[in-house]
Amino acid sequence: MKYLCEDLSHCRILIVDDEPANTQLLERVLAEVGFQHYRSTNDSRRAAAIFEEFGPDLVLLDLSMPYLDGYAVMKQFVDQLAPDMYLPILVLTADISPEAKQRALSLGALDFLTKPFDITEVVLRIRNLLETRNLHKQLHDQNHRLEERVRQRTNDLEEAQAEILERLALASEYRDDDTGAHTRRVGSLSERVALALGLPAEEARVIGLAARFHDIGKIGIPDSILHKPGPLTAGERSLMRTHTTLGANILAGSRFLILRVAETIALTHHHRFDGHGPAPSLAGEDIPIEGRIVAVADAFDAMVHDRPYRKALSLTEAMEELRREAGKQFDPRVVEAFLAPGPGDLLHMANAVNDEAKMTPERV
């Protein structure tokens, strides 16, 4: 539908009046003052179809007509308009009672012309209403441009925030993995498992992003422990376990959802499902689902990649380990979703996120 006619002569005007003499007079007046695009009908039943096809910028509408009166026609017009559409309706009537005016105004009329017409008044009111329409459209366009700029600025800020978070996750990962690939793989696997569990797509996306910070607390663990080629001593294991609380403390207090979820994951992704950890911890479904998901994704990725203290397990070995630990270290429901066949099957997931994978063909 046409919405702006800065040159008023190009504006579209629709006339609906059951009296042919009235429509002919109005058409002649419009032509004499330079309007080039106008349509008219004497059958109010055809008005809605013409309105939709013609897309007028202004409607001249009689109130008293057979079949459908002007009130019914106005309702049809309003029903076809977009919510932000401004369409002036100039009512033509011999009935100037307050009741008639109030009813017409309530249905969308903006002005009234009393029959018989004063030609000069007809032209002035038409021009005024069309100019008002153009001003309204210009304001609408300006507001739309401002809203678009705000949306763009918001998108820029969100992208900057996402990039900062990405770099923070990489910075923490470089302490333990100089490729930074582990956090990406754990994030991707966690999102896929969340979807397999039936979580909403947006919630799964947030879990996938937040999972990348699961080991951020390792920035507080000495390199001598992180890169130790052999087994850790009891004291070293105790110190290593503090990376969960260190990570949660680093992420604590954020007002951003991703970082709040990341805090939960950092703190809980090493809690055992059976609660039999070396220190008091949550157990079962008291462990947040985010932590239970990342526990499986993190353990799987660690198993199938080389570590300073051991070589990677084969995919089959890693899968068997997950099954053995279901109900013990891991939530069995999460393990089942992780290993489930179909589009989200483990091999598909592993291949999809392991561009930097160290699994050799014979291992897979």
Protein backbone atom coordinates (compact mmCIF):
# COMPACT_ATOMS: atom_id res chain seq x y z
CA MET A 1 0.00 0.00 0.00
CA LYS A 2 1.34 3.46 -0.96
CA TYR A 3 2.23 5.38 2.18
CA LEU A 4 3.95 8.66 1.24
CA CYS A 5 3.14 11.21 -1.50
CA GLU A 6 5.36 14.25 -0.96
CA ASP A 7 4.00 15.70 -4.22
CA LEU A 8 0.31 15.98 -3.28
CA SER A 9 -0.75 15.70 -6.92
CA HIS A 10 0.49 12.11 -6.84
CA CYS A 11 -1.52 11.14 -3.77
CA ARG A 12 -4.26 8.55 -4.20
CA ILE A 13 -7.78 9.54 -3.21
CA LEU A 14 -10.75 7.19 -2.90
CA ILE A 15 -14.33 8.53 -2.99
CA VAL A 16 -17.19 6.39 -1.63
CA ASP A 17 -20.65 7.97 -2.07
CA ASP A 18 -23.89 6.42 -3.31
CA GLU A 19 -24.83 9.60 -5.23
CA PRO A 20 -23.20 9.69 -8.71
CA ALA A 21 -23.58 13.47 -8.80
CA ASN A 22 -21.43 13.81 -5.68
CA THR A 23 -18.65 11.54 -6.94
CA GLN A 24 -18.61 13.27 -10.33
CA LEU A 25 -18.39 16.69 -8.68
CA LEU A 26 -15.55 15.62 -6.42
CA GLU A 27 -13.64 13.98 -9.29
CA ARG A 28 -13.95 17.17 -11.34
CA VAL A 29 -12.71 19.29 -8.42
CA LEU A 30 -9.73 16.98 -7.86
CA ALA A 31 -8.79 17.07 -11.54
CA GLU A 32 -9.05 20.87 -11.71
CA VAL A 33 -6.63 21.37 -8.79
CA GLY A 34 -4.08 18.90 -10.17
CA PHE A 35 -4.76 15.57 -8.49
CA GLN A 36 -4.00 12.74 -10.89
CA HIS A 37 -4.86 9.56 -9.01
CA TYR A 38 -8.40 9.08 -7.74
CA ARG A 39 -11.05 6.39 -7.78
CA SER A 40 -14.70 6.42 -6.84
CA THR A 41 -17.57 4.02 -6.29
CA ASN A 42 -21.28 4.45 -5.73
CA ASP A 43 -21.64 0.93 -4.32
CA SER A 44 -20.38 0.74 -0.74
CA ARG A 45 -20.13 -3.06 -1.04
CA ARG A 46 -17.19 -2.62 -3.45
CA ALA A 47 -15.35 -0.13 -1.25
CA ALA A 48 -13.21 -2.62 0.69
CA ALA A 49 -11.97 -4.38 -2.46
CA ILE A 50 -11.10 -1.08 -4.16
CA PHE A 51 -9.42 0.13 -0.98
CA GLU A 52 -7.19 -2.95 -0.84
CA GLU A 53 -6.29 -2.80 -4.54
CA PHE A 54 -5.92 1.00 -4.87
CA GLY A 55 -4.14 1.76 -1.59
CA PRO A 56 -5.46 5.29 -1.04
CA ASP A 57 -3.72 8.07 0.88
CA LEU A 58 -7.07 9.70 1.70
CA VAL A 59 -10.69 8.52 1.72
CA LEU A 60 -13.74 10.74 1.12
CA LEU A 61 -16.62 8.76 2.62
CA ASP A 62 -20.36 9.30 2.75
CA LEU A 63 -22.11 8.13 5.92
CA SER A 64 -25.65 7.53 4.70
CA MET A 65 -25.59 4.81 2.02
CA PRO A 66 -27.63 1.69 1.20
CA TYR A 67 -26.26 -1.82 1.77
CA LEU A 68 -23.30 -0.70 3.92
CA ASP A 69 -23.36 2.68 5.60
CA GLY A 70 -20.21 4.74 6.11
CA TYR A 71 -19.67 3.37 9.61
CA ALA A 72 -19.54 -0.21 8.34
CA VAL A 73 -17.22 0.79 5.48
CA MET A 74 -14.88 2.57 7.91
CA LYS A 75 -14.67 -0.55 10.04
CA GLN A 76 -13.68 -2.57 6.96
CA PHE A 77 -10.96 -0.04 6.14
CA VAL A 78 -9.57 0.02 9.67
CA ASP A 79 -9.44 -3.78 9.75
CA GLN A 80 -7.19 -3.70 6.66
CA LEU A 81 -4.74 -1.14 8.06
CA ALA A 82 -1.43 -1.97 9.72
CA PRO A 83 -1.29 -0.88 13.38
CA ASP A 84 1.09 2.02 12.64
CA MET A 85 -0.76 3.13 9.49
CA TYR A 86 -2.15 6.65 9.48
CA LEU A 87 -4.98 7.02 6.95
CA PRO A 88 -7.11 10.18 7.00
CA ILE A 89 -10.84 9.66 6.38
CA LEU A 90 -12.83 12.74 5.46
CA VAL A 91 -16.53 12.14 6.13
CA LEU A 92 -19.12 13.54 3.73
CA THR A 93 -22.47 13.99 5.46
CA ALA A 94 -25.59 16.03 5.78
CA ASP A 95 -25.99 14.68 9.32
CA ILE A 96 -23.90 16.90 11.60
CA SER A 97 -25.42 15.75 14.86
CA PRO A 98 -22.99 15.24 17.79
CA GLU A 99 -23.92 11.56 17.93
CA ALA A 100 -23.01 11.02 14.26
CA LYS A 101 -19.71 12.83 14.65
CA GLN A 102 -18.77 10.94 17.80
CA ARG A 103 -19.53 7.61 16.20
CA ALA A 104 -17.56 8.47 13.05
CA LEU A 105 -14.59 9.75 15.06
CA SER A 106 -14.56 6.59 17.17
CA LEU A 107 -14.24 4.51 13.98
CA GLY A 108 -11.32 6.49 12.54
CA ALA A 109 -12.75 9.59 10.85
CA LEU A 110 -10.51 12.67 11.11
CA ASP A 111 -12.59 15.45 9.60
CA PHE A 112 -16.06 16.26 8.24
CA LEU A 113 -17.47 17.99 5.15
CA THR A 114 -21.08 19.06 5.27
CA LYS A 115 -23.26 18.60 2.22
CA PRO A 116 -23.82 20.57 0.04
CA PHE A 117 -20.08 21.07 -0.49
CA ASP A 118 -18.16 24.31 -0.48
CA ILE A 119 -15.56 23.66 -3.20
CA THR A 120 -12.84 25.82 -1.64
CA GLU A 121 -13.33 24.09 1.71
CA VAL A 122 -13.18 20.67 0.03
CA VAL A 123 -9.79 21.44 -1.54
CA LEU A 124 -8.32 22.97 1.62
CA ARG A 125 -9.36 20.08 3.85
CA ILE A 126 -8.05 17.51 1.39
CA ARG A 127 -4.67 19.26 1.17
CA ASN A 128 -4.44 19.71 4.94
CA LEU A 129 -5.19 16.05 5.61
CA LEU A 130 -2.69 14.86 3.01
CA GLU A 131 0.03 17.13 4.40
CA THR A 132 -0.71 15.83 7.90
CA ARG A 133 -0.42 12.28 6.58
CA ASN A 134 2.96 13.05 5.03
CA LEU A 135 4.23 14.61 8.24
CA HIS A 136 3.08 11.58 10.17
CA LYS A 137 4.86 9.27 7.73
CA GLN A 138 8.07 11.31 7.90
CA LEU A 139 7.98 11.11 11.71
CA HIS A 140 7.28 7.38 11.46
CA ASP A 141 10.26 6.92 9.12
CA GLN A 142 12.51 8.96 11.39
CA ASN A 143 11.50 6.89 14.42
CA HIS A 144 12.10 3.71 12.41
CA ARG A 145 15.60 4.91 11.49
CA LEU A 146 16.34 5.75 15.12
CA GLU A 147 15.06 2.34 16.25
CA GLU A 148 17.24 0.68 13.61
CA ARG A 149 20.28 2.61 14.84
CA VAL A 150 19.51 1.55 18.43
CA ARG A 151 19.15 -2.08 17.29
CA GLN A 152 22.44 -1.87 15.43
CA ARG A 153 24.20 -0.34 18.41
CA THR A 154 22.74 -3.02 20.67
CA ASN A 155 23.91 -5.72 18.26
CA ASP A 156 27.38 -4.16 18.20
CA LEU A 157 27.52 -4.18 22.00
CA GLU A 158 26.32 -7.79 22.15
CA GLU A 159 28.94 -8.81 19.60
CA ALA A 160 31.63 -6.97 21.55
CA GLN A 161 30.49 -8.68 24.74
CA ALA A 162 30.53 -12.08 23.03
CA GLU A 163 34.04 -11.43 21.69
CA ILE A 164 35.32 -10.37 25.11
CA LEU A 165 33.85 -13.53 26.65
CA GLU A 166 35.39 -15.62 23.88
CA ARG A 167 38.82 -14.13 24.52
CA LEU A 168 38.44 -14.57 28.27
CA ALA A 169 37.62 -18.24 27.77
CA LEU A 170 40.64 -18.64 25.49
CA ALA A 171 42.89 -16.87 27.98
CA SER A 172 41.93 -19.33 30.70
CA GLU A 173 42.27 -22.32 28.38
CA TYR A 174 45.79 -21.44 27.23
CA ARG A 175 46.99 -22.32 30.73
CA ASP A 176 45.96 -25.92 30.13
CA ASP A 177 45.60 -26.28 26.33
CA ASP A 178 47.65 -24.12 24.00
CA THR A 179 45.14 -24.57 21.15
CA GLY A 180 42.14 -23.32 23.12
CA ALA A 181 40.16 -26.11 21.43
CA HIS A 182 39.00 -27.90 24.59
CA THR A 183 36.65 -25.11 25.68
CA ARG A 184 35.09 -24.88 22.21
CA ARG A 185 34.55 -28.63 22.04
CA VAL A 186 33.05 -28.79 25.53
CA GLY A 187 30.77 -25.85 24.70
CA SER A 188 29.55 -27.44 21.47
CA LEU A 189 29.03 -30.85 23.05
CA SER A 190 27.19 -29.32 26.01
CA GLU A 191 24.78 -27.43 23.75
CA ARG A 192 24.05 -30.57 21.72
CA VAL A 193 23.44 -32.65 24.84
CA ALA A 194 21.15 -29.96 26.28
CA LEU A 195 19.10 -30.10 23.07
CA ALA A 196 19.04 -33.91 23.21
CA LEU A 197 17.65 -33.63 26.75
CA GLY A 198 14.80 -31.51 25.41
CA LEU A 199 15.89 -28.15 26.80
CA PRO A 200 14.73 -25.07 24.83
CA ALA A 201 17.11 -23.98 22.07
CA GLU A 202 17.96 -20.66 23.70
CA GLU A 203 18.69 -22.32 27.05
CA ALA A 204 20.89 -24.87 25.29
CA ARG A 205 22.72 -22.07 23.48
CA VAL A 206 23.43 -20.27 26.76
CA ILE A 207 24.70 -23.50 28.34
CA GLY A 208 26.99 -24.05 25.36
CA LEU A 209 28.46 -20.56 25.65
CA ALA A 210 28.75 -20.67 29.43
CA ALA A 211 30.38 -24.12 29.37
CA ARG A 212 33.46 -22.56 27.84
CA PHE A 213 34.26 -21.03 31.24
CA HIS A 214 34.02 -24.28 33.19
CA ASP A 215 37.75 -24.34 33.98
CA ILE A 216 38.42 -20.61 34.20
CA GLY A 217 39.53 -21.12 37.81
CA LYS A 218 42.63 -22.94 36.52
CA ILE A 219 44.27 -19.57 35.97
CA GLY A 220 44.88 -19.70 39.73
CA ILE A 221 46.50 -23.16 39.66
CA PRO A 222 50.32 -23.33 39.35
CA ASP A 223 51.78 -24.60 36.05
CA SER A 224 53.74 -27.20 37.97
CA ILE A 225 50.43 -28.89 38.78
CA LEU A 226 48.61 -28.21 35.51
CA HIS A 227 51.44 -29.61 33.40
CA LYS A 228 52.73 -32.29 35.72
CA PRO A 229 53.43 -35.38 33.58
CA GLY A 230 52.70 -37.88 36.33
CA PRO A 231 50.00 -38.48 38.95
CA LEU A 232 49.28 -35.68 41.42
CA THR A 233 49.95 -36.02 45.10
CA ALA A 234 47.08 -35.77 47.57
CA GLY A 235 48.03 -32.17 48.31
CA GLU A 236 48.24 -31.31 44.62
CA ARG A 237 44.86 -32.90 43.94
CA SER A 238 43.39 -30.88 46.79
CA LEU A 239 44.83 -27.69 45.31
CA MET A 240 43.65 -28.62 41.83
CA ARG A 241 40.10 -29.08 43.13
CA THR A 242 40.05 -25.43 44.22
CA HIS A 243 39.79 -24.37 40.56
CA THR A 244 36.01 -24.84 40.82
CA THR A 245 35.58 -22.34 43.64
CA LEU A 246 38.20 -20.04 42.13
CA GLY A 247 36.27 -20.04 38.86
CA ALA A 248 32.95 -19.43 40.58
CA ASN A 249 34.47 -16.52 42.50
CA ILE A 250 35.85 -14.98 39.30
CA LEU A 251 32.42 -15.19 37.65
CA ALA A 252 30.30 -14.36 40.72
CA GLY A 253 27.94 -11.41 40.86
CA SER A 254 27.49 -10.81 37.13
CA ARG A 255 24.23 -9.38 35.83
CA PHE A 256 24.71 -11.19 32.51
CA LEU A 257 22.89 -14.51 32.12
CA ILE A 258 25.77 -16.30 30.38
CA LEU A 259 28.19 -15.46 33.19
CA ARG A 260 25.66 -16.42 35.87
CA VAL A 261 25.23 -19.82 34.21
CA ALA A 262 29.01 -20.04 33.81
CA GLU A 263 29.42 -19.45 37.55
CA THR A 264 27.08 -22.36 38.27
CA ILE A 265 28.94 -24.61 35.83
CA ALA A 266 32.38 -23.68 37.16
CA LEU A 267 31.30 -24.51 40.69
CA THR A 268 29.38 -27.75 40.05
CA HIS A 269 30.79 -29.54 36.99
CA HIS A 270 32.99 -31.80 39.17
CA HIS A 271 30.26 -32.72 41.67
CA ARG A 272 29.61 -36.44 41.52
CA PHE A 273 26.06 -37.54 40.85
CA ASP A 274 26.25 -40.05 43.72
CA GLY A 275 27.62 -37.38 46.10
CA HIS A 276 30.67 -39.49 47.02
CA GLY A 277 33.28 -36.85 46.32
CA PRO A 278 36.35 -36.11 48.41
CA ALA A 279 34.59 -33.10 49.92
CA PRO A 280 30.94 -32.36 50.79
CA SER A 281 29.05 -31.60 47.59
CA LEU A 282 25.65 -31.66 45.96
CA ALA A 283 24.31 -34.94 44.65
CA GLY A 284 21.74 -36.19 42.14
CA GLU A 285 19.35 -33.66 40.71
CA ASP A 286 20.35 -31.14 43.37
CA ILE A 287 23.30 -30.53 41.05
CA PRO A 288 22.13 -27.94 38.49
CA ILE A 289 21.46 -29.47 35.09
CA GLU A 290 24.11 -27.20 33.55
CA GLY A 291 26.76 -28.73 35.80
CA ARG A 292 25.59 -32.28 35.11
CA ILE A 293 25.73 -31.72 31.35
CA VAL A 294 29.17 -30.13 31.34
CA ALA A 295 30.50 -32.87 33.66
CA VAL A 296 29.87 -35.45 30.92
CA ALA A 297 31.02 -33.26 28.01
CA ASP A 298 34.19 -32.22 29.83
CA ALA A 299 35.09 -35.75 30.93
CA PHE A 300 34.50 -37.18 27.46
CA ASP A 301 36.63 -34.55 25.74
CA ALA A 302 39.41 -34.99 28.29
CA MET A 303 39.35 -38.76 27.80
CA VAL A 304 39.66 -38.70 24.01
CA HIS A 305 42.52 -36.16 23.94
CA ASP A 306 46.09 -36.46 25.16
CA ARG A 307 46.87 -35.06 28.59
CA PRO A 308 50.29 -34.43 30.17
CA TYR A 309 49.75 -37.42 32.46
CA ARG A 310 48.29 -39.92 29.93
CA LYS A 311 47.53 -40.67 26.30
CA ALA A 312 44.01 -40.28 24.87
CA LEU A 313 41.54 -43.12 25.14
CA SER A 314 39.82 -44.48 22.06
CA LEU A 315 36.25 -43.41 21.41
CA THR A 316 35.00 -46.87 22.40
CA GLU A 317 36.97 -46.79 25.65
CA ALA A 318 35.63 -43.33 26.49
CA MET A 319 32.05 -44.40 25.81
CA GLU A 320 32.46 -47.46 28.04
CA GLU A 321 33.86 -45.27 30.81
CA LEU A 322 30.84 -42.98 30.62
CA ARG A 323 28.53 -45.99 30.86
CA ARG A 324 30.43 -47.39 33.86
CA GLU A 325 30.21 -44.07 35.67
CA ALA A 326 26.51 -43.43 34.88
CA GLY A 327 24.74 -43.12 38.22
CA LYS A 328 28.07 -42.70 40.01
CA GLN A 329 30.11 -39.80 38.70
CA PHE A 330 27.57 -38.78 36.03
CA ASP A 331 23.84 -38.27 35.74
CA PRO A 332 22.63 -41.43 33.90
CA ARG A 333 20.04 -39.42 32.00
CA VAL A 334 22.73 -37.07 30.68
CA VAL A 335 24.96 -40.00 29.75
CA GLU A 336 22.05 -41.63 27.91
CA ALA A 337 21.38 -38.42 25.96
CA PHE A 338 25.09 -38.07 25.23
CA LEU A 339 25.35 -41.60 23.86
CA ALA A 340 21.93 -41.73 22.21
CA PRO A 341 21.86 -42.82 18.55
CA GLY A 342 20.41 -40.67 15.82
CA PRO A 343 21.23 -37.13 14.61
CA GLY A 344 22.85 -36.30 17.96
CA ASP A 345 24.88 -39.49 18.20
CA LEU A 346 28.25 -39.29 19.89
CA LEU A 347 30.40 -39.89 16.83
CA HIS A 348 28.50 -37.21 14.91
CA MET A 349 28.94 -34.76 17.77
CA ALA A 350 32.60 -35.58 18.20
CA ASN A 351 33.38 -35.16 14.52
CA ALA A 352 31.38 -31.95 14.33
CA VAL A 353 33.37 -30.17 17.02
CA ASN A 354 36.81 -31.75 16.76
CA ASP A 355 38.54 -29.83 13.97
CA GLU A 356 41.65 -29.90 16.11
CA ALA A 357 40.98 -33.43 17.39
CA LYS A 358 43.91 -35.68 18.09
CA MET A 359 41.87 -38.87 17.66
CA THR A 360 43.56 -40.95 14.95
CA PRO A 361 41.44 -43.08 12.55
CA GLU A 362 42.44 -46.26 14.39
CA ARG A 363 41.35 -44.72 17.69
CA VAL A 364 37.95 -43.80 16.29
